[in-house]
Amino acid sequence: MKLWGGRMSKETDELLQRLNASLPFDIRLYREDIRGSQAWARALAQAGVLSQPEAQALVEGLAQVLQEFEAGDFQPAPGDEDIHTAVERRLTELIGPVAGKLHTGRSRNDQVATDFRLWVMRACDDLQGDVQDLAQALLERAEEHLEAPMPGYTHLQRAQPITWGHWMLSHFWPLLRDRGRLRQARTAAGVLPLGSGALAGTSYPIDRQALARELGFDSVSSNSIDAVSDRDFALQFLFACALLGVHLSRLAEQMILFSSAEFGFVELDDAYSTGSSLMPQKKNPDPLELARGKVGRLVGHLSGLLTTLKGLPSAYDKDLQEDKEPLFDAYDTLRALLPVLAGLLRTLQVHPGRMAAALDPAMLATDLADYLVGKGIPFRQAHELVGRAVRLAEARGAGIHELELPALREISAAFDEDVARVFDVEAALARRGAEGGTAPEAVRRQLQAARRALAG
């Protein structure tokens, strides 16, 4: 059954038919397609185009088709080129010629755009739930060792002391922004294109506002040409997925490092690790490596669809058939990945002793400069003086905290007996109590703010 065969004098070439067909992937839109068609049948009846018995037959027949899909009993036919053809073909088999009235005033152009937007709205809801759970797992593990000191890194070099809670929360806030982007993508998808026809609008008096309310859209499209070609919402969804993938990859990269023997800050549970086929002692962080690796396909999908869209004229073009597979794969990838990462975090063993042992007094060099600032020396000069102290300590094979007061006074007379107090990690942490800082008190406030934000 073709929806367009009357114009052609020859059968479609078999290879072209295979190239043209989208049913192998758009079959997953069956719920959205049937739901949209039921709403369209009711709208046609409300407009006086169909009788109530005809509309009822269509709605009930579509419900039966849906039941077959849900039960796994639906059988595609060789001529089903897409989900719309498949549903209408089966509907015709069930209720007869009245099924041919369902497409009155509607094009596959506005039909597929409606199906796709409904799917994206549902996908955004699903992914928001998964992101929410992963963010909750981060909060739980942050609170468990909230004040445990550990090295903070810039350029992957030891920089300043921070706390485990502060580090964990640094990965919470990006996830919260990801949740916000998914919400924005859902809002972008929530514009009804149905009633736009192929590009010029429907010629029947359809109440599009009522149609939008029934299907759960927030508004209706303002321009029928734009409505059938707009895929901005798909790009917003892919951007949200790609950036979420980047954030997961960054978390995974640091967890891989922290779980190595060289760091030993954390240990993955055996349920979230794999082994080596050759080396019996190995315990590999495969879930984290997959999280790091899969960002490539997420970013690639975004880049690919942007390229597909960049040269299209207005209204619908067959190129737009390429819009669905990237989104389907991005969704499937994240739905598989996010729960695994949440489970990995919840079963993670944290070793505060190893983190504390990795702290180096040299990480308090900035505090030493701040000490000199407290003695009235401008920071830029204090920075240079402490750099000289670090160089002297390295030349002597000692730590900066091991330099005796006379040696420090040769660098600056501002150094005094109280300089030893600088080299106290807990005091250094406590000094960073400004909002957003790593002081235990500030991190406790941040944790409370994170809980409120997650509940919002």
Foldseek 3Di string as FASTA:
>chain_A
DDPDPPVDPDDDDPVVLVVQADAVPQVVLLVQLLLLLLLLLVLCCVLVNDPPVLSVLSNVLSVVVVVCVVVVNQDADPNRRHNNSSSLVSSCVVRNPSSVCSCAQAAVLLSVLRSVLLVLLVLLVLLLVLLLLLLVLLLVLCVVFVAQWFFDDDVNDGAAIFTSSLVSVVLNVLSLVLNVLSVVLNLVSQARLTQLHQFNGGPTPGPVVVSSVSSVGPYYDPGSQCSSLDPVSLLSLLVSLLSVLVSLLVVLVVVQVCCDPVQVQKHWDQVQWDADPPDRVDTHNVLSVVSNVCSVLSVVLSVVVCVLSVPDDIGDDSSCSVSPPSSVVSSVSSVVNSVSSSVRSNRMGGDSVSRVVPDALVSLLLLQLVLVVVLVDDSVVSNVLSVVLCVVCVVVVHGSLPDDPVVSVVSPVSDDPCSNVSSDRLVVLCVQQPQSGRNSVNSVVVSVVSVVSSVD
